[in-house]
Amino acid sequence: MTTAAAPHSAKKLGFIGIGNLGMHLAGSLLRAGYALTIFDLNKAAAAALLAAGARWADSPAEVAKASDTVFTCLPSSKAVSAVVSGANGLLAGLAAGSTWIDMSTNDREETIRLAALAAAKGVAALEAPVTGGVHKAAAGDITVLVGGDQKVYAAHLPMLQAMGGEIIHMGPLGSAAVIKVITNMLAFINLVAVGEALMLAKRGGLDLAQSFHAIKASSGNSFVHETEGQLVLNGSYNINFTMDLACKDLGFATQLGRSFGVPLEVAGLVEQTFIRARSQYGGGAWSSQVVKLLEDALSTDLRAPGFPAEL
């Protein structure tokens, strides 16, 4: 992660989407010394960034006019489309020779469509979704998955390195969207399995804290067990990722399965489990609460002392 305060100050960047994830990504750009103009539908969410030196704009087009490169980090394909191609969107303000980089988990075909609209205006596009969790974004150590032209990627690599730890160029535009959906699909499958494993341990009379450490040291360990497993055991479930987002991403996965002719039997079952959890707890509930379906069904909680409420 870049930490110097001044070297990049001549670069004018924009960032749209100051949510749980975007606020940390944008904050990393500020700490790296980039001049940053920001926008979000909720200005209050940007208070810390504005205090740290970011400039506020009143619309995506205004961000674009003030920037050489604009990043977006938004919750849905619909939101990305509105921000990029809407009446007061990025393409209304970006000049030829500038760049749009989307860090959202977006639909592959929509990413390619919007990039074509940008190219018609002389604007380059990259996709750069991230993976690893909000806590990794806060530390500037999140993994960035990039799709797009190699030269455009190389030109913007220092900006991506300011936000992330490992930066992986996956290939042409659309390739990052596919691998991001795959990584999220695996994480959600792991999460449901972690809940079942912990419940087996609890019903088997085992100490849950010791069971957590035993699994962590075993061949059954996973990134999800090490991270979200702790939040389940704490009872906060606070992964800073909502049930709505999980259902959206699992929908992308099963859609890709149909497109590529791959039967995703396990992913399809897990998607239905998350849809049921969203119906039970609401779209704004943390995605880790999918485990609560099993807790509620068996009237058995999965709590153990010594685990954090947030990562």
Protein backbone atom coordinates (compact mmCIF):
# COMPACT_ATOMS: atom_id res chain seq x y z
CA MET A 1 0.00 0.00 0.00
CA THR A 2 1.27 3.50 -0.85
CA THR A 3 1.52 5.69 2.25
CA ALA A 4 3.40 8.81 1.15
CA ALA A 5 1.30 11.96 1.41
CA ALA A 6 2.32 13.96 -1.67
CA PRO A 7 3.71 12.12 -4.74
CA HIS A 8 0.40 11.67 -6.55
CA SER A 9 -1.22 15.02 -5.73
CA ALA A 10 -1.10 16.10 -9.41
CA LYS A 11 -3.40 13.22 -10.35
CA LYS A 12 -7.07 14.22 -10.18
CA LEU A 13 -9.25 11.29 -9.14
CA GLY A 14 -12.95 10.89 -8.50
CA PHE A 15 -14.75 8.31 -6.39
CA ILE A 16 -18.48 7.58 -6.43
CA GLY A 17 -20.05 5.24 -3.87
CA ILE A 18 -19.06 5.91 -0.27
CA GLY A 19 -20.52 2.78 1.31
CA ASN A 20 -19.06 0.25 3.74
CA LEU A 21 -16.40 -0.66 1.18
CA GLY A 22 -16.04 2.49 -0.89
CA MET A 23 -15.24 4.72 2.08
CA HIS A 24 -12.11 2.67 2.81
CA LEU A 25 -11.00 2.44 -0.81
CA ALA A 26 -11.40 6.19 -1.24
CA GLY A 27 -9.62 6.78 2.07
CA SER A 28 -6.61 4.83 0.84
CA LEU A 29 -6.39 7.06 -2.24
CA LEU A 30 -6.44 10.14 -0.03
CA ARG A 31 -3.71 8.75 2.22
CA ALA A 32 -1.59 8.06 -0.86
CA GLY A 33 -1.68 11.76 -1.72
CA TYR A 34 -4.17 11.77 -4.58
CA ALA A 35 -6.47 14.77 -5.07
CA LEU A 36 -9.95 13.24 -4.71
CA THR A 37 -13.45 14.45 -5.60
CA ILE A 38 -16.30 12.32 -4.24
CA PHE A 39 -20.04 11.82 -4.52
CA ASP A 40 -22.64 9.61 -2.85
CA LEU A 41 -26.40 9.81 -2.51
CA ASN A 42 -25.79 10.06 1.25
CA LYS A 43 -23.46 13.02 1.86
CA ALA A 44 -23.29 12.22 5.58
CA ALA A 45 -21.44 8.98 4.71
CA ALA A 46 -18.63 11.08 3.25
CA ALA A 47 -18.02 13.21 6.36
CA ALA A 48 -14.74 11.51 7.35
CA LEU A 49 -13.37 11.71 3.80
CA LEU A 50 -14.28 15.39 3.49
CA ALA A 51 -12.56 16.07 6.81
CA ALA A 52 -9.48 14.27 5.45
CA GLY A 53 -9.28 16.54 2.41
CA ALA A 54 -11.64 15.14 -0.22
CA ARG A 55 -13.70 17.57 -2.28
CA TRP A 56 -17.47 17.11 -2.57
CA ALA A 57 -19.32 17.18 -5.90
CA ASP A 58 -23.08 17.39 -6.32
CA SER A 59 -23.42 14.81 -9.11
CA PRO A 60 -21.52 12.08 -10.96
CA ALA A 61 -21.07 14.46 -13.91
CA GLU A 62 -19.48 17.04 -11.62
CA VAL A 63 -17.09 14.41 -10.27
CA ALA A 64 -16.19 13.48 -13.85
CA LYS A 65 -15.51 17.07 -14.90
CA ALA A 66 -13.07 17.46 -11.99
CA SER A 67 -11.23 14.16 -12.57
CA ASP A 68 -8.85 12.39 -14.92
CA THR A 69 -9.91 8.98 -13.57
CA VAL A 70 -13.16 8.14 -11.79
CA PHE A 71 -13.75 5.07 -9.63
CA THR A 72 -17.21 3.69 -8.91
CA CYS A 73 -18.10 1.27 -6.11
CA LEU A 74 -21.85 0.69 -6.14
CA PRO A 75 -24.30 -1.92 -4.84
CA SER A 76 -26.02 -3.03 -8.06
CA SER A 77 -25.83 -3.10 -11.84
CA LYS A 78 -28.78 -0.71 -11.93
CA ALA A 79 -26.90 1.79 -9.78
CA VAL A 80 -23.75 1.50 -11.92
CA SER A 81 -25.74 2.06 -15.11
CA ALA A 82 -27.49 5.12 -13.66
CA VAL A 83 -24.24 6.66 -12.43
CA VAL A 84 -22.36 6.03 -15.67
CA SER A 85 -24.91 6.65 -18.41
CA GLY A 86 -27.68 8.61 -16.70
CA ALA A 87 -28.61 12.17 -17.71
CA ASN A 88 -26.17 13.63 -15.17
CA GLY A 89 -23.82 10.65 -15.16
CA LEU A 90 -20.11 10.14 -15.62
CA LEU A 91 -20.23 10.04 -19.40
CA ALA A 92 -21.81 13.49 -19.40
CA GLY A 93 -18.69 14.86 -17.74
CA LEU A 94 -15.68 12.70 -18.60
CA ALA A 95 -13.39 14.12 -21.27
CA ALA A 96 -11.79 12.06 -24.03
CA GLY A 97 -8.59 10.50 -22.74
CA SER A 98 -9.93 9.99 -19.21
CA THR A 99 -10.67 6.65 -17.52
CA TRP A 100 -13.56 5.02 -15.66
CA ILE A 101 -12.72 2.17 -13.25
CA ASP A 102 -15.61 0.19 -11.76
CA MET A 103 -14.88 -1.53 -8.45
CA SER A 104 -18.43 -2.83 -8.06
CA THR A 105 -19.39 -6.49 -8.31
CA ASN A 106 -21.21 -6.00 -11.59
CA ASP A 107 -22.88 -8.10 -14.26
CA ARG A 108 -20.35 -9.09 -16.93
CA GLU A 109 -22.49 -8.12 -19.91
CA GLU A 110 -23.48 -4.80 -18.35
CA THR A 111 -19.83 -3.98 -17.69
CA ILE A 112 -18.97 -4.65 -21.33
CA ARG A 113 -21.97 -2.60 -22.55
CA LEU A 114 -21.10 0.42 -20.45
CA ALA A 115 -17.43 0.20 -21.40
CA ALA A 116 -18.47 0.34 -25.07
CA LEU A 117 -20.47 3.52 -24.40
CA ALA A 118 -17.40 4.98 -22.69
CA ALA A 119 -15.11 3.98 -25.57
CA ALA A 120 -17.40 5.78 -28.02
CA LYS A 121 -16.58 8.98 -26.12
CA GLY A 122 -12.86 8.26 -26.03
CA VAL A 123 -12.98 7.14 -22.37
CA ALA A 124 -11.05 4.03 -21.33
CA ALA A 125 -12.58 1.55 -18.89
CA LEU A 126 -11.32 -1.03 -16.42
CA GLU A 127 -13.21 -3.30 -14.03
CA ALA A 128 -11.54 -3.75 -10.67
CA PRO A 129 -13.79 -5.56 -8.17
CA VAL A 130 -12.21 -6.38 -4.82
CA THR A 131 -12.28 -9.39 -2.55
CA GLY A 132 -11.20 -10.17 1.00
CA GLY A 133 -13.63 -8.25 3.16
CA VAL A 134 -14.18 -4.70 4.40
CA HIS A 135 -11.52 -5.13 7.11
CA LYS A 136 -8.93 -5.77 4.40
CA ALA A 137 -10.06 -2.66 2.51
CA ALA A 138 -9.69 -0.63 5.71
CA ALA A 139 -6.09 -1.84 6.02
CA GLY A 140 -5.33 -1.15 2.33
CA ASP A 141 -4.64 -4.85 1.87
CA ILE A 142 -7.66 -6.02 -0.10
CA THR A 143 -7.19 -8.09 -3.28
CA VAL A 144 -8.05 -6.23 -6.50
CA LEU A 145 -9.15 -8.26 -9.55
CA VAL A 146 -8.72 -6.32 -12.77
CA GLY A 147 -10.10 -6.78 -16.27
CA GLY A 148 -9.29 -4.60 -19.25
CA ASP A 149 -6.61 -3.43 -21.64
CA GLN A 150 -3.08 -4.17 -20.42
CA LYS A 151 -1.79 -0.65 -21.16
CA VAL A 152 -4.68 1.00 -19.33
CA TYR A 153 -4.11 -1.38 -16.42
CA ALA A 154 -0.39 -0.56 -16.28
CA ALA A 155 -1.07 3.18 -16.34
CA HIS A 156 -3.42 2.94 -13.37
CA LEU A 157 -1.57 0.29 -11.37
CA PRO A 158 -0.16 2.79 -8.79
CA MET A 159 -3.72 3.88 -7.94
CA LEU A 160 -4.85 0.27 -7.53
CA GLN A 161 -1.79 -0.48 -5.40
CA ALA A 162 -2.72 2.43 -3.14
CA MET A 163 -5.97 0.63 -2.31
CA GLY A 164 -4.98 -3.02 -2.32
CA GLY A 165 -2.39 -5.61 -1.45
CA GLU A 166 -2.43 -8.16 -4.26
CA ILE A 167 -3.45 -6.77 -7.67
CA ILE A 168 -4.30 -9.47 -10.22
CA HIS A 169 -4.87 -8.68 -13.90
CA MET A 170 -7.30 -11.37 -15.05
CA GLY A 171 -7.40 -10.52 -18.76
CA PRO A 172 -9.79 -8.59 -21.02
CA LEU A 173 -12.79 -6.66 -19.83
CA GLY A 174 -15.40 -8.99 -18.32
CA SER A 175 -12.92 -11.52 -16.96
CA ALA A 176 -12.70 -9.87 -13.54
CA ALA A 177 -16.49 -9.92 -13.23
CA VAL A 178 -16.48 -13.68 -13.72
CA ILE A 179 -13.74 -14.45 -11.19
CA LYS A 180 -15.24 -12.06 -8.61
CA VAL A 181 -18.57 -13.88 -8.81
CA ILE A 182 -16.73 -17.21 -8.47
CA THR A 183 -14.88 -16.07 -5.33
CA ASN A 184 -18.08 -14.77 -3.73
CA MET A 185 -19.95 -17.96 -4.64
CA LEU A 186 -17.28 -20.01 -2.86
CA ALA A 187 -17.40 -17.73 0.17
CA PHE A 188 -21.18 -18.09 0.54
CA ILE A 189 -21.01 -21.87 0.16
CA ASN A 190 -18.27 -21.91 2.80
CA LEU A 191 -20.36 -19.78 5.14
CA VAL A 192 -23.33 -22.15 5.11
CA ALA A 193 -20.96 -25.10 5.63
CA VAL A 194 -19.23 -23.34 8.55
CA GLY A 195 -22.60 -22.88 10.24
CA GLU A 196 -23.43 -26.55 9.86
CA ALA A 197 -19.99 -27.59 11.13
CA LEU A 198 -20.22 -25.39 14.22
CA MET A 199 -23.73 -26.67 14.94
CA LEU A 200 -22.47 -30.26 14.77
CA ALA A 201 -19.79 -29.34 17.27
CA LYS A 202 -22.29 -27.65 19.60
CA ARG A 203 -24.81 -30.47 19.47
CA GLY A 204 -21.96 -32.95 19.95
CA GLY A 205 -21.13 -31.33 23.28
CA LEU A 206 -17.84 -29.74 22.17
CA ASP A 207 -16.46 -26.43 23.36
CA LEU A 208 -17.12 -24.05 20.45
CA ALA A 209 -14.01 -21.92 20.98
CA GLN A 210 -11.82 -25.01 20.94
CA SER A 211 -13.74 -26.35 17.96
CA PHE A 212 -13.08 -23.11 16.08
CA HIS A 213 -9.33 -23.43 16.71
CA ALA A 214 -9.33 -27.13 15.82
CA ILE A 215 -11.03 -26.43 12.48
CA LYS A 216 -8.65 -23.54 11.83
CA ALA A 217 -5.70 -25.91 12.28
CA SER A 218 -7.26 -28.62 10.11
CA SER A 219 -7.68 -29.55 6.46
CA GLY A 220 -11.24 -28.22 6.72
CA ASN A 221 -10.12 -24.65 7.36
CA SER A 222 -11.11 -21.75 5.11
CA PHE A 223 -10.81 -17.96 4.94
CA VAL A 224 -14.53 -17.73 5.74
CA HIS A 225 -14.14 -19.91 8.84
CA GLU A 226 -11.28 -17.72 10.08
CA THR A 227 -13.20 -14.48 9.52
CA GLU A 228 -16.98 -14.81 9.47
CA GLY A 229 -16.85 -17.81 11.79
CA GLN A 230 -15.61 -15.48 14.52
CA LEU A 231 -18.51 -13.06 13.99
CA VAL A 232 -21.03 -15.90 14.23
CA LEU A 233 -19.47 -17.07 17.49
CA ASN A 234 -19.58 -13.50 18.81
CA GLY A 235 -23.22 -13.13 17.77
CA SER A 236 -22.77 -9.78 16.00
CA TYR A 237 -22.66 -11.33 12.49
CA ASN A 238 -21.27 -7.92 11.50
CA ILE A 239 -19.35 -8.60 8.28
CA ASN A 240 -20.43 -5.25 6.77
CA PHE A 241 -21.97 -7.10 3.82
CA THR A 242 -25.72 -7.39 3.46
CA MET A 243 -28.11 -10.18 2.60
CA ASP A 244 -29.27 -8.21 -0.46
CA LEU A 245 -25.70 -8.11 -1.80
CA ALA A 246 -25.20 -11.82 -1.17
CA CYS A 247 -28.39 -12.70 -3.05
CA LYS A 248 -27.37 -10.41 -5.91
CA ASP A 249 -23.96 -12.07 -6.23
CA LEU A 250 -25.34 -15.60 -6.01
CA GLY A 251 -27.81 -14.63 -8.73
CA PHE A 252 -24.87 -13.59 -10.91
CA ALA A 253 -23.23 -16.96 -10.22
CA THR A 254 -26.23 -19.06 -11.19
CA GLN A 255 -26.74 -16.85 -14.25
CA LEU A 256 -23.16 -17.54 -15.33
CA GLY A 257 -23.76 -21.24 -14.76
CA ARG A 258 -26.66 -21.14 -17.21
CA SER A 259 -24.67 -19.06 -19.71
CA PHE A 260 -21.63 -21.35 -19.63
CA GLY A 261 -23.55 -24.63 -19.33
CA VAL A 262 -22.19 -25.49 -15.88
CA PRO A 263 -24.62 -27.18 -13.44
CA LEU A 264 -24.07 -25.35 -10.14
CA GLU A 265 -25.97 -27.71 -7.88
CA VAL A 266 -24.37 -26.67 -4.58
CA ALA A 267 -24.40 -22.97 -5.45
CA GLY A 268 -28.06 -23.22 -6.46
CA LEU A 269 -28.97 -24.75 -3.10
CA VAL A 270 -26.99 -22.10 -1.23
CA GLU A 271 -28.68 -19.35 -3.26
CA GLN A 272 -32.08 -20.62 -2.11
CA THR A 273 -30.82 -20.72 1.49
CA PHE A 274 -29.78 -17.07 1.26
CA ILE A 275 -33.10 -16.09 -0.32
CA ARG A 276 -34.85 -17.76 2.63
CA ALA A 277 -32.57 -15.92 5.08
CA ARG A 278 -33.29 -12.60 3.38
CA SER A 279 -37.01 -13.28 3.67
CA GLN A 280 -36.57 -14.12 7.35
CA TYR A 281 -34.21 -11.35 8.48
CA GLY A 282 -34.47 -8.66 5.78
CA GLY A 283 -32.27 -7.55 2.92
CA GLY A 284 -30.28 -5.21 5.16
CA ALA A 285 -29.30 -7.97 7.58
CA TRP A 286 -25.66 -9.03 7.54
CA SER A 287 -25.05 -11.93 5.17
CA SER A 288 -23.47 -13.97 7.99
CA GLN A 289 -26.94 -14.25 9.51
CA VAL A 290 -27.66 -17.02 7.03
CA VAL A 291 -26.23 -19.24 9.78
CA LYS A 292 -29.00 -18.03 12.10
CA LEU A 293 -31.52 -20.01 10.05
CA LEU A 294 -30.02 -23.19 11.49
CA GLU A 295 -29.71 -21.68 14.98
CA ASP A 296 -33.37 -20.69 14.96
CA ALA A 297 -34.52 -24.02 13.53
CA LEU A 298 -32.75 -25.93 16.31
CA SER A 299 -33.25 -23.30 19.06
CA THR A 300 -29.50 -23.51 19.62
CA ASP A 301 -27.16 -20.52 19.42
CA LEU A 302 -23.54 -20.71 18.37
CA ARG A 303 -21.82 -18.44 20.90
CA ALA A 304 -18.41 -18.59 22.50
CA PRO A 305 -16.41 -16.05 24.49
CA GLY A 306 -13.33 -14.30 23.19
CA PHE A 307 -14.41 -13.57 19.63
CA PRO A 308 -14.66 -10.02 18.17
CA ALA A 309 -17.84 -8.19 17.15
CA GLU A 310 -16.02 -6.81 14.09
CA LEU A 311 -12.88 -7.82 12.22
